[in-house]
Amino acid sequence: MSPESSAWRDFSRNNGTISFRRKEPVHTIYVVMLGLLLLVVFLLAGHALGHGRQAALYFLPAWLAGAAINMWLGVSKAGYSVRDEAPIFLLVFAIPSALALLAWWKLPQ
């Protein structure tokens, strides 16, 4: 995969050298925000369908799949290693999941 096709890195040639630098962590923030939005959708749908707080638990495997897809895209398309992407995966999964568990714990049955 050529570095030019990667949307995740800036590519520049200076004096015959090739340098890469990561962009701002905006993508990670967007993915976490997407997870929070998905959690709200799950909670609203659960409330509407009479599942209440149980919808927060239904969110967890769906978000695990979403975070795993994000990691796979980072490894396969953006060229990061699994070692580079693993902490990002944990962050992306943990924040919405922690809020889902908090919602499950605090919301009435």
PDB file of N, CA and C in Angstrom:
ATOM      1  N   MET A   1       0.838  -1.163   0.000  1.00  0.00           N
ATOM      2  CA  MET A   1       0.000   0.000   0.000  1.00  0.00           C
ATOM      3  C   MET A   1       0.890   1.235   0.000  1.00  0.00           C
ATOM      4  N   SER A   2       0.578   2.166  -0.844  1.00  0.00           N
ATOM      5  CA  SER A   2       1.415   3.354  -0.937  1.00  0.00           C
ATOM      6  C   SER A   2       1.028   4.366   0.134  1.00  0.00           C
ATOM      7  N   PRO A   3       1.996   5.058   0.687  1.00  0.00           N
ATOM      8  CA  PRO A   3       1.700   6.041   1.722  1.00  0.00           C
ATOM      9  C   PRO A   3       0.835   7.193   1.212  1.00  0.00           C
ATOM     10  N   GLU A   4       0.898   7.464  -0.089  1.00  0.00           N
ATOM     11  CA  GLU A   4       0.111   8.555  -0.641  1.00  0.00           C
ATOM     12  C   GLU A   4      -1.377   8.296  -0.531  1.00  0.00           C
ATOM     13  N   SER A   5      -1.799   7.020  -0.562  1.00  0.00           N
ATOM     14  CA  SER A   5      -3.216   6.701  -0.528  1.00  0.00           C
ATOM     15  C   SER A   5      -3.779   6.691   0.880  1.00  0.00           C
ATOM     16  N   SER A   6      -2.951   6.796   1.862  1.00  0.00           N
ATOM     17  CA  SER A   6      -3.413   6.745   3.242  1.00  0.00           C
ATOM     18  C   SER A   6      -3.992   8.090   3.667  1.00  0.00           C
ATOM     19  N   ALA A   7      -5.205   8.071   4.165  1.00  0.00           N
ATOM     20  CA  ALA A   7      -5.830   9.290   4.651  1.00  0.00           C
ATOM     21  C   ALA A   7      -5.412   9.600   6.076  1.00  0.00           C
ATOM     22  N   TRP A   8      -4.644   8.727   6.675  1.00  0.00           N
ATOM     23  CA  TRP A   8      -4.310   8.854   8.091  1.00  0.00           C
ATOM     24  C   TRP A   8      -2.944   9.486   8.316  1.00  0.00           C
ATOM     25  N   ARG A   9      -2.137   9.600   7.298  1.00  0.00           N
ATOM     26  CA  ARG A   9      -0.786  10.121   7.487  1.00  0.00           C
ATOM     27  C   ARG A   9      -0.496  11.183   6.443  1.00  0.00           C
ATOM     28  N   ASP A  10       0.309  12.121   6.829  1.00  0.00           N
ATOM     29  CA  ASP A  10       0.809  13.093   5.861  1.00  0.00           C
ATOM     30  C   ASP A  10       2.107  12.543   5.288  1.00  0.00           C
ATOM     31  N   PHE A  11       2.295  12.732   4.010  1.00  0.00           N
ATOM     32  CA  PHE A  11       3.460  12.206   3.328  1.00  0.00           C
ATOM     33  C   PHE A  11       4.203  13.383   2.724  1.00  0.00           C
ATOM     34  N   SER A  12       5.472  13.486   2.997  1.00  0.00           N
ATOM     35  CA  SER A  12       6.239  14.573   2.401  1.00  0.00           C
ATOM     36  C   SER A  12       7.647  14.091   2.089  1.00  0.00           C
ATOM     37  N   ARG A  13       8.221  14.668   1.078  1.00  0.00           N
ATOM     38  CA  ARG A  13       9.606  14.390   0.711  1.00  0.00           C
ATOM     39  C   ARG A  13      10.390  15.673   0.901  1.00  0.00           C
ATOM     40  N   ASN A  14      11.357  15.609   1.773  1.00  0.00           N
ATOM     41  CA  ASN A  14      12.213  16.767   2.034  1.00  0.00           C
ATOM     42  C   ASN A  14      13.661  16.362   1.826  1.00  0.00           C
ATOM     43  N   ASN A  15      14.310  17.013   0.889  1.00  0.00           N
ATOM     44  CA  ASN A  15      15.730  16.760   0.625  1.00  0.00           C
ATOM     45  C   ASN A  15      16.038  15.280   0.407  1.00  0.00           C
ATOM     46  N   GLY A  16      15.168  14.598  -0.297  1.00  0.00           N
ATOM     47  CA  GLY A  16      15.414  13.191  -0.599  1.00  0.00           C
ATOM     48  C   GLY A  16      15.026  12.233   0.518  1.00  0.00           C
ATOM     49  N   THR A  17      14.521  12.729   1.633  1.00  0.00           N
ATOM     50  CA  THR A  17      14.088  11.838   2.711  1.00  0.00           C
ATOM     51  C   THR A  17      12.571  11.770   2.736  1.00  0.00           C
ATOM     52  N   ILE A  18      12.062  10.689   3.208  1.00  0.00           N
ATOM     53  CA  ILE A  18      10.619  10.497   3.327  1.00  0.00           C
ATOM     54  C   ILE A  18      10.275  10.556   4.805  1.00  0.00           C
ATOM     55  N   SER A  19       9.293  11.368   5.144  1.00  0.00           N
ATOM     56  CA  SER A  19       8.888  11.455   6.552  1.00  0.00           C
ATOM     57  C   SER A  19       7.383  11.283   6.659  1.00  0.00           C
ATOM     58  N   PHE A  20       6.977  10.638   7.723  1.00  0.00           N
ATOM     59  CA  PHE A  20       5.570  10.452   8.023  1.00  0.00           C
ATOM     60  C   PHE A  20       5.279  11.132   9.350  1.00  0.00           C
ATOM     61  N   ARG A  21       4.134  11.734   9.448  1.00  0.00           N
ATOM     62  CA  ARG A  21       3.695  12.232  10.743  1.00  0.00           C
ATOM     63  C   ARG A  21       2.193  12.007  10.843  1.00  0.00           C
ATOM     64  N   ARG A  22       1.779  11.618  12.017  1.00  0.00           N
ATOM     65  CA  ARG A  22       0.361  11.350  12.233  1.00  0.00           C
ATOM     66  C   ARG A  22      -0.407  12.658  12.282  1.00  0.00           C
ATOM     67  N   LYS A  23      -1.654  12.583  11.828  1.00  0.00           N
ATOM     68  CA  LYS A  23      -2.531  13.733  11.954  1.00  0.00           C
ATOM     69  C   LYS A  23      -3.050  13.824  13.380  1.00  0.00           C
ATOM     70  N   GLU A  24      -3.777  14.862  13.640  1.00  0.00           N
ATOM     71  CA  GLU A  24      -4.386  15.053  14.954  1.00  0.00           C
ATOM     72  C   GLU A  24      -5.272  13.848  15.282  1.00  0.00           C
ATOM     73  N   PRO A  25      -5.540  13.604  16.556  1.00  0.00           N
ATOM     74  CA  PRO A  25      -6.364  12.446  16.933  1.00  0.00           C
ATOM     75  C   PRO A  25      -7.858  12.680  16.716  1.00  0.00           C
ATOM     76  N   VAL A  26      -8.203  13.470  15.718  1.00  0.00           N
ATOM     77  CA  VAL A  26      -9.603  13.808  15.468  1.00  0.00           C
ATOM     78  C   VAL A  26     -10.405  12.570  15.082  1.00  0.00           C
ATOM     79  N   HIS A  27      -9.824  11.678  14.316  1.00  0.00           N
ATOM     80  CA  HIS A  27     -10.551  10.480  13.900  1.00  0.00           C
ATOM     81  C   HIS A  27     -10.987   9.664  15.112  1.00  0.00           C
ATOM     82  N   THR A  28     -10.120   9.511  16.083  1.00  0.00           N
ATOM     83  CA  THR A  28     -10.453   8.751  17.281  1.00  0.00           C
ATOM     84  C   THR A  28     -11.603   9.420  18.029  1.00  0.00           C
ATOM     85  N   ILE A  29     -11.577  10.732  18.101  1.00  0.00           N
ATOM     86  CA  ILE A  29     -12.666  11.456  18.763  1.00  0.00           C
ATOM     87  C   ILE A  29     -13.971  11.239  18.013  1.00  0.00           C
ATOM     88  N   TYR A  30     -13.930  11.281  16.691  1.00  0.00           N
ATOM     89  CA  TYR A  30     -15.132  11.031  15.899  1.00  0.00           C
ATOM     90  C   TYR A  30     -15.680   9.626  16.138  1.00  0.00           C
ATOM     91  N   VAL A  31     -14.811   8.653  16.210  1.00  0.00           N
ATOM     92  CA  VAL A  31     -15.264   7.276  16.406  1.00  0.00           C
ATOM     93  C   VAL A  31     -15.873   7.109  17.799  1.00  0.00           C
ATOM     94  N   VAL A  32     -15.260   7.707  18.807  1.00  0.00           N
ATOM     95  CA  VAL A  32     -15.832   7.638  20.164  1.00  0.00           C
ATOM     96  C   VAL A  32     -17.190   8.337  20.189  1.00  0.00           C
ATOM     97  N   MET A  33     -17.297   9.485  19.531  1.00  0.00           N
ATOM     98  CA  MET A  33     -18.577  10.194  19.473  1.00  0.00           C
ATOM     99  C   MET A  33     -19.635   9.365  18.738  1.00  0.00           C
ATOM    100  N   LEU A  34     -19.214   8.663  17.701  1.00  0.00           N
ATOM    101  CA  LEU A  34     -20.137   7.774  17.002  1.00  0.00           C
ATOM    102  C   LEU A  34     -20.626   6.672  17.942  1.00  0.00           C
ATOM    103  N   GLY A  35     -19.732   6.144  18.759  1.00  0.00           N
ATOM    104  CA  GLY A  35     -20.122   5.133  19.733  1.00  0.00           C
ATOM    105  C   GLY A  35     -21.126   5.670  20.741  1.00  0.00           C
ATOM    106  N   LEU A  36     -20.921   6.900  21.197  1.00  0.00           N
ATOM    107  CA  LEU A  36     -21.862   7.508  22.137  1.00  0.00           C
ATOM    108  C   LEU A  36     -23.219   7.746  21.486  1.00  0.00           C
ATOM    109  N   LEU A  37     -23.201   8.181  20.237  1.00  0.00           N
ATOM    110  CA  LEU A  37     -24.449   8.365  19.496  1.00  0.00           C
ATOM    111  C   LEU A  37     -25.172   7.030  19.323  1.00  0.00           C
ATOM    112  N   LEU A  38     -24.429   5.993  19.008  1.00  0.00           N
ATOM    113  CA  LEU A  38     -25.030   4.666  18.864  1.00  0.00           C
ATOM    114  C   LEU A  38     -25.614   4.187  20.188  1.00  0.00           C
ATOM    115  N   LEU A  39     -24.948   4.480  21.289  1.00  0.00           N
ATOM    116  CA  LEU A  39     -25.477   4.125  22.606  1.00  0.00           C
ATOM    117  C   LEU A  39     -26.807   4.823  22.850  1.00  0.00           C
ATOM    118  N   VAL A  40     -26.901   6.101  22.524  1.00  0.00           N
ATOM    119  CA  VAL A  40     -28.153   6.835  22.688  1.00  0.00           C
ATOM    120  C   VAL A  40     -29.254   6.207  21.838  1.00  0.00           C
ATOM    121  N   VAL A  41     -28.922   5.829  20.607  1.00  0.00           N
ATOM    122  CA  VAL A  41     -29.902   5.182  19.734  1.00  0.00           C
ATOM    123  C   VAL A  41     -30.372   3.865  20.356  1.00  0.00           C
ATOM    124  N   PHE A  42     -29.442   3.067  20.864  1.00  0.00           N
ATOM    125  CA  PHE A  42     -29.809   1.808  21.506  1.00  0.00           C
ATOM    126  C   PHE A  42     -30.714   2.057  22.711  1.00  0.00           C
ATOM    127  N   LEU A  43     -30.372   3.046  23.540  1.00  0.00           N
ATOM    128  CA  LEU A  43     -31.171   3.321  24.736  1.00  0.00           C
ATOM    129  C   LEU A  43     -32.567   3.825  24.370  1.00  0.00           C
ATOM    130  N   LEU A  44     -32.654   4.694  23.377  1.00  0.00           N
ATOM    131  CA  LEU A  44     -33.968   5.183  22.949  1.00  0.00           C
ATOM    132  C   LEU A  44     -34.811   4.070  22.340  1.00  0.00           C
ATOM    133  N   ALA A  45     -34.187   3.245  21.518  1.00  0.00           N
ATOM    134  CA  ALA A  45     -34.910   2.118  20.920  1.00  0.00           C
ATOM    135  C   ALA A  45     -35.331   1.121  22.002  1.00  0.00           C
ATOM    136  N   GLY A  46     -34.452   0.869  22.960  1.00  0.00           N
ATOM    137  CA  GLY A  46     -34.792  -0.030  24.053  1.00  0.00           C
ATOM    138  C   GLY A  46     -35.943   0.494  24.877  1.00  0.00           C
ATOM    139  N   HIS A  47     -35.950   1.793  25.114  1.00  0.00           N
ATOM    140  CA  HIS A  47     -37.049   2.400  25.862  1.00  0.00           C
ATOM    141  C   HIS A  47     -38.358   2.284  25.079  1.00  0.00           C
ATOM    142  N   ALA A  48     -38.288   2.559  23.776  1.00  0.00           N
ATOM    143  CA  ALA A  48     -39.486   2.503  22.941  1.00  0.00           C
ATOM    144  C   ALA A  48     -40.029   1.084  22.815  1.00  0.00           C
ATOM    145  N   LEU A  49     -39.137   0.099  22.812  1.00  0.00           N
ATOM    146  CA  LEU A  49     -39.557  -1.292  22.652  1.00  0.00           C
ATOM    147  C   LEU A  49     -39.819  -2.000  23.973  1.00  0.00           C
ATOM    148  N   GLY A  50     -39.653  -1.277  25.076  1.00  0.00           N
ATOM    149  CA  GLY A  50     -39.937  -1.850  26.380  1.00  0.00           C
ATOM    150  C   GLY A  50     -38.805  -2.654  26.986  1.00  0.00           C
ATOM    151  N   HIS A  51     -37.603  -2.522  26.448  1.00  0.00           N
ATOM    152  CA  HIS A  51     -36.468  -3.251  27.000  1.00  0.00           C
ATOM    153  C   HIS A  51     -35.700  -2.418  28.018  1.00  0.00           C
ATOM    154  N   GLY A  52     -35.975  -1.134  28.094  1.00  0.00           N
ATOM    155  CA  GLY A  52     -35.373  -0.257  29.079  1.00  0.00           C
ATOM    156  C   GLY A  52     -33.866  -0.318  29.112  1.00  0.00           C
ATOM    157  N   ARG A  53     -33.340  -0.537  30.294  1.00  0.00           N
ATOM    158  CA  ARG A  53     -31.891  -0.515  30.484  1.00  0.00           C
ATOM    159  C   ARG A  53     -31.192  -1.700  29.855  1.00  0.00           C
ATOM    160  N   GLN A  54     -31.915  -2.771  29.534  1.00  0.00           N
ATOM    161  CA  GLN A  54     -31.316  -3.954  28.908  1.00  0.00           C
ATOM    162  C   GLN A  54     -30.673  -3.602  27.558  1.00  0.00           C
ATOM    163  N   ALA A  55     -31.162  -2.556  26.912  1.00  0.00           N
ATOM    164  CA  ALA A  55     -30.608  -2.125  25.626  1.00  0.00           C
ATOM    165  C   ALA A  55     -29.151  -1.712  25.754  1.00  0.00           C
ATOM    166  N   ALA A  56     -28.756  -1.238  26.930  1.00  0.00           N
ATOM    167  CA  ALA A  56     -27.356  -0.868  27.141  1.00  0.00           C
ATOM    168  C   ALA A  56     -26.457  -2.092  27.041  1.00  0.00           C
ATOM    169  N   LEU A  57     -26.950  -3.236  27.478  1.00  0.00           N
ATOM    170  CA  LEU A  57     -26.167  -4.466  27.358  1.00  0.00           C
ATOM    171  C   LEU A  57     -26.153  -4.984  25.920  1.00  0.00           C
ATOM    172  N   TYR A  58     -27.229  -4.746  25.180  1.00  0.00           N
ATOM    173  CA  TYR A  58     -27.257  -5.123  23.766  1.00  0.00           C
ATOM    174  C   TYR A  58     -26.255  -4.290  22.960  1.00  0.00           C
ATOM    175  N   PHE A  59     -26.004  -3.083  23.431  1.00  0.00           N
ATOM    176  CA  PHE A  59     -25.059  -2.197  22.759  1.00  0.00           C
ATOM    177  C   PHE A  59     -23.635  -2.744  22.787  1.00  0.00           C
ATOM    178  N   LEU A  60     -23.260  -3.413  23.869  1.00  0.00           N
ATOM    179  CA  LEU A  60     -21.868  -3.825  24.062  1.00  0.00           C
ATOM    180  C   LEU A  60     -21.310  -4.702  22.939  1.00  0.00           C
ATOM    181  N   PRO A  61     -21.969  -5.800  22.544  1.00  0.00           N
ATOM    182  CA  PRO A  61     -21.393  -6.585  21.439  1.00  0.00           C
ATOM    183  C   PRO A  61     -21.410  -5.835  20.103  1.00  0.00           C
ATOM    184  N   ALA A  62     -22.423  -4.996  19.903  1.00  0.00           N
ATOM    185  CA  ALA A  62     -22.470  -4.206  18.666  1.00  0.00           C
ATOM    186  C   ALA A  62     -21.294  -3.233  18.614  1.00  0.00           C
ATOM    187  N   TRP A  63     -20.989  -2.608  19.750  1.00  0.00           N
ATOM    188  CA  TRP A  63     -19.887  -1.661  19.772  1.00  0.00           C
ATOM    189  C   TRP A  63     -18.537  -2.364  19.726  1.00  0.00           C
ATOM    190  N   LEU A  64     -18.451  -3.543  20.294  1.00  0.00           N
ATOM    191  CA  LEU A  64     -17.221  -4.327  20.170  1.00  0.00           C
ATOM    192  C   LEU A  64     -16.928  -4.601  18.697  1.00  0.00           C
ATOM    193  N   ALA A  65     -17.959  -4.963  17.950  1.00  0.00           N
ATOM    194  CA  ALA A  65     -17.782  -5.192  16.510  1.00  0.00           C
ATOM    195  C   ALA A  65     -17.381  -3.896  15.800  1.00  0.00           C
ATOM    196  N   GLY A  66     -18.012  -2.774  16.164  1.00  0.00           N
ATOM    197  CA  GLY A  66     -17.673  -1.501  15.543  1.00  0.00           C
ATOM    198  C   GLY A  66     -16.245  -1.071  15.837  1.00  0.00           C
ATOM    199  N   ALA A  67     -15.811  -1.236  17.068  1.00  0.00           N
ATOM    200  CA  ALA A  67     -14.431  -0.874  17.439  1.00  0.00           C
ATOM    201  C   ALA A  67     -13.436  -1.804  16.755  1.00  0.00           C
ATOM    202  N   ALA A  68     -13.791  -3.081  16.612  1.00  0.00           N
ATOM    203  CA  ALA A  68     -12.908  -4.021  15.925  1.00  0.00           C
ATOM    204  C   ALA A  68     -12.789  -3.674  14.437  1.00  0.00           C
ATOM    205  N   ILE A  69     -13.889  -3.260  13.833  1.00  0.00           N
ATOM    206  CA  ILE A  69     -13.845  -2.839  12.427  1.00  0.00           C
ATOM    207  C   ILE A  69     -12.962  -1.607  12.277  1.00  0.00           C
ATOM    208  N   ASN A  70     -13.079  -0.665  13.204  1.00  0.00           N
ATOM    209  CA  ASN A  70     -12.222   0.515  13.174  1.00  0.00           C
ATOM    210  C   ASN A  70     -10.750   0.120  13.276  1.00  0.00           C
ATOM    211  N   MET A  71     -10.444  -0.832  14.149  1.00  0.00           N
ATOM    212  CA  MET A  71      -9.056  -1.289  14.289  1.00  0.00           C
ATOM    213  C   MET A  71      -8.582  -1.972  13.011  1.00  0.00           C
ATOM    214  N   TRP A  72      -9.434  -2.802  12.433  1.00  0.00           N
ATOM    215  CA  TRP A  72      -9.072  -3.490  11.197  1.00  0.00           C
ATOM    216  C   TRP A  72      -8.797  -2.490  10.079  1.00  0.00           C
ATOM    217  N   LEU A  73      -9.605  -1.435   9.995  1.00  0.00           N
ATOM    218  CA  LEU A  73      -9.368  -0.407   8.973  1.00  0.00           C
ATOM    219  C   LEU A  73      -8.041   0.308   9.219  1.00  0.00           C
ATOM    220  N   GLY A  74      -7.727   0.566  10.472  1.00  0.00           N
ATOM    221  CA  GLY A  74      -6.457   1.209  10.792  1.00  0.00           C
ATOM    222  C   GLY A  74      -5.265   0.358  10.421  1.00  0.00           C
ATOM    223  N   VAL A  75      -5.410  -0.958  10.582  1.00  0.00           N
ATOM    224  CA  VAL A  75      -4.303  -1.865  10.271  1.00  0.00           C
ATOM    225  C   VAL A  75      -4.225  -2.130   8.770  1.00  0.00           C
ATOM    226  N   SER A  76      -5.363  -2.437   8.155  1.00  0.00           N
ATOM    227  CA  SER A  76      -5.325  -2.856   6.748  1.00  0.00           C
ATOM    228  C   SER A  76      -5.272  -1.693   5.760  1.00  0.00           C
ATOM    229  N   LYS A  77      -5.963  -0.610   6.053  1.00  0.00           N
ATOM    230  CA  LYS A  77      -6.035   0.498   5.096  1.00  0.00           C
ATOM    231  C   LYS A  77      -5.041   1.613   5.399  1.00  0.00           C
ATOM    232  N   ALA A  78      -4.867   1.934   6.674  1.00  0.00           N
ATOM    233  CA  ALA A  78      -4.005   3.067   7.034  1.00  0.00           C
ATOM    234  C   ALA A  78      -2.562   2.653   7.256  1.00  0.00           C
ATOM    235  N   GLY A  79      -2.309   1.370   7.363  1.00  0.00           N
ATOM    236  CA  GLY A  79      -0.947   0.903   7.463  1.00  0.00           C
ATOM    237  C   GLY A  79      -0.359   0.872   8.861  1.00  0.00           C
ATOM    238  N   TYR A  80      -1.181   1.031   9.879  1.00  0.00           N
ATOM    239  CA  TYR A  80      -0.665   0.942  11.247  1.00  0.00           C
ATOM    240  C   TYR A  80      -0.501  -0.522  11.628  1.00  0.00           C
ATOM    241  N   SER A  81       0.352  -0.778  12.590  1.00  0.00           N
ATOM    242  CA  SER A  81       0.505  -2.140  13.087  1.00  0.00           C
ATOM    243  C   SER A  81      -0.561  -2.406  14.147  1.00  0.00           C
ATOM    244  N   VAL A  82      -0.784  -3.673  14.442  1.00  0.00           N
ATOM    245  CA  VAL A  82      -1.728  -4.036  15.491  1.00  0.00           C
ATOM    246  C   VAL A  82      -1.257  -3.448  16.821  1.00  0.00           C
ATOM    247  N   ARG A  83       0.037  -3.419  17.021  1.00  0.00           N
ATOM    248  CA  ARG A  83       0.599  -2.847  18.243  1.00  0.00           C
ATOM    249  C   ARG A  83       0.279  -1.349  18.350  1.00  0.00           C
ATOM    250  N   ASP A  84       0.277  -0.644  17.239  1.00  0.00           N
ATOM    251  CA  ASP A  84      -0.084   0.775  17.250  1.00  0.00           C
ATOM    252  C   ASP A  84      -1.575   0.980  17.488  1.00  0.00           C
ATOM    253  N   GLU A  85      -2.372   0.106  16.925  1.00  0.00           N
ATOM    254  CA  GLU A  85      -3.821   0.273  16.978  1.00  0.00           C
ATOM    255  C   GLU A  85      -4.462  -0.266  18.249  1.00  0.00           C
ATOM    256  N   ALA A  86      -3.813  -1.184  18.955  1.00  0.00           N
ATOM    257  CA  ALA A  86      -4.421  -1.804  20.133  1.00  0.00           C
ATOM    258  C   ALA A  86      -4.817  -0.793  21.211  1.00  0.00           C
ATOM    259  N   PRO A  87      -3.960   0.166  21.573  1.00  0.00           N
ATOM    260  CA  PRO A  87      -4.397   1.138  22.586  1.00  0.00           C
ATOM    261  C   PRO A  87      -5.557   2.019  22.110  1.00  0.00           C
ATOM    262  N   ILE A  88      -5.569   2.323  20.832  1.00  0.00           N
ATOM    263  CA  ILE A  88      -6.669   3.110  20.275  1.00  0.00           C
ATOM    264  C   ILE A  88      -7.955   2.300  20.328  1.00  0.00           C
ATOM    265  N   PHE A  89      -7.864   1.008  19.995  1.00  0.00           N
ATOM    266  CA  PHE A  89      -9.019   0.125  20.082  1.00  0.00           C
ATOM    267  C   PHE A  89      -9.576   0.107  21.506  1.00  0.00           C
ATOM    268  N   LEU A  90      -8.700  -0.030  22.487  1.00  0.00           N
ATOM    269  CA  LEU A  90      -9.156  -0.065  23.879  1.00  0.00           C
ATOM    270  C   LEU A  90      -9.841   1.238  24.273  1.00  0.00           C
ATOM    271  N   LEU A  91      -9.285   2.349  23.864  1.00  0.00           N
ATOM    272  CA  LEU A  91      -9.885   3.647  24.159  1.00  0.00           C
ATOM    273  C   LEU A  91     -11.239   3.791  23.482  1.00  0.00           C
ATOM    274  N   VAL A  92     -11.284   3.463  22.200  1.00  0.00           N
ATOM    275  CA  VAL A  92     -12.518   3.594  21.428  1.00  0.00           C
ATOM    276  C   VAL A  92     -13.609   2.683  21.996  1.00  0.00           C
ATOM    277  N   PHE A  93     -13.245   1.491  22.430  1.00  0.00           N
ATOM    278  CA  PHE A  93     -14.235   0.575  22.985  1.00  0.00           C
ATOM    279  C   PHE A  93     -14.606   0.938  24.415  1.00  0.00           C
ATOM    280  N   ALA A  94     -13.637   1.338  25.217  1.00  0.00           N
ATOM    281  CA  ALA A  94     -13.864   1.501  26.653  1.00  0.00           C
ATOM    282  C   ALA A  94     -14.767   2.670  27.011  1.00  0.00           C
ATOM    283  N   ILE A  95     -14.611   3.799  26.348  1.00  0.00           N
ATOM    284  CA  ILE A  95     -15.378   4.987  26.752  1.00  0.00           C
ATOM    285  C   ILE A  95     -16.884   4.780  26.558  1.00  0.00           C
ATOM    286  N   PRO A  96     -17.366   4.433  25.355  1.00  0.00           N
ATOM    287  CA  PRO A  96     -18.806   4.201  25.219  1.00  0.00           C
ATOM    288  C   PRO A  96     -19.294   2.988  26.036  1.00  0.00           C
ATOM    289  N   SER A  97     -18.450   1.964  26.171  1.00  0.00           N
ATOM    290  CA  SER A  97     -18.859   0.786  26.938  1.00  0.00           C
ATOM    291  C   SER A  97     -19.012   1.104  28.415  1.00  0.00           C
ATOM    292  N   ALA A  98     -18.113   1.916  28.946  1.00  0.00           N
ATOM    293  CA  ALA A  98     -18.225   2.317  30.351  1.00  0.00           C
ATOM    294  C   ALA A  98     -19.506   3.119  30.584  1.00  0.00           C
ATOM    295  N   LEU A  99     -19.838   3.988  29.650  1.00  0.00           N
ATOM    296  CA  LEU A  99     -21.079   4.753  29.781  1.00  0.00           C
ATOM    297  C   LEU A  99     -22.304   3.857  29.619  1.00  0.00           C
ATOM    298  N   ALA A 100     -22.201   2.839  28.771  1.00  0.00           N
ATOM    299  CA  ALA A 100     -23.303   1.888  28.624  1.00  0.00           C
ATOM    300  C   ALA A 100     -23.522   1.118  29.923  1.00  0.00           C
ATOM    301  N   LEU A 101     -22.451   0.684  30.553  1.00  0.00           N
ATOM    302  CA  LEU A 101     -22.582  -0.033  31.824  1.00  0.00           C
ATOM    303  C   LEU A 101     -23.109   0.889  32.919  1.00  0.00           C
ATOM    304  N   LEU A 102     -22.697   2.140  32.903  1.00  0.00           N
ATOM    305  CA  LEU A 102     -23.218   3.107  33.858  1.00  0.00           C
ATOM    306  C   LEU A 102     -24.717   3.318  33.638  1.00  0.00           C
ATOM    307  N   ALA A 103     -25.141   3.430  32.385  1.00  0.00           N
ATOM    308  CA  ALA A 103     -26.561   3.581  32.073  1.00  0.00           C
ATOM    309  C   ALA A 103     -27.339   2.341  32.518  1.00  0.00           C
ATOM    310  N   TRP A 104     -26.791   1.180  32.277  1.00  0.00           N
ATOM    311  CA  TRP A 104     -27.454  -0.063  32.697  1.00  0.00           C
ATOM    312  C   TRP A 104     -27.613  -0.096  34.213  1.00  0.00           C
ATOM    313  N   TRP A 105     -26.605   0.367  34.920  1.00  0.00           N
ATOM    314  CA  TRP A 105     -26.625   0.335  36.376  1.00  0.00           C
ATOM    315  C   TRP A 105     -27.594   1.372  36.954  1.00  0.00           C
ATOM    316  N   LYS A 106     -27.627   2.570  36.365  1.00  0.00           N
ATOM    317  CA  LYS A 106     -28.389   3.681  36.925  1.00  0.00           C
ATOM    318  C   LYS A 106     -29.844   3.774  36.443  1.00  0.00           C
ATOM    319  N   LEU A 107     -30.112   3.299  35.244  1.00  0.00           N
ATOM    320  CA  LEU A 107     -31.478   3.441  34.720  1.00  0.00           C
ATOM    321  C   LEU A 107     -32.420   2.481  35.437  1.00  0.00           C
ATOM    322  N   PRO A 108     -33.672   2.900  35.616  1.00  0.00           N
ATOM    323  CA  PRO A 108     -34.630   1.993  36.256  1.00  0.00           C
ATOM    324  C   PRO A 108     -35.006   0.846  35.335  1.00  0.00           C
ATOM    325  N   GLN A 109     -35.432  -0.224  35.950  1.00  0.00           N
ATOM    326  CA  GLN A 109     -35.821  -1.402  35.151  1.00  0.00           C
ATOM    327  C   GLN A 109     -37.140  -1.106  34.502  1.00  0.00           C
TER     328      GLN A 109
END
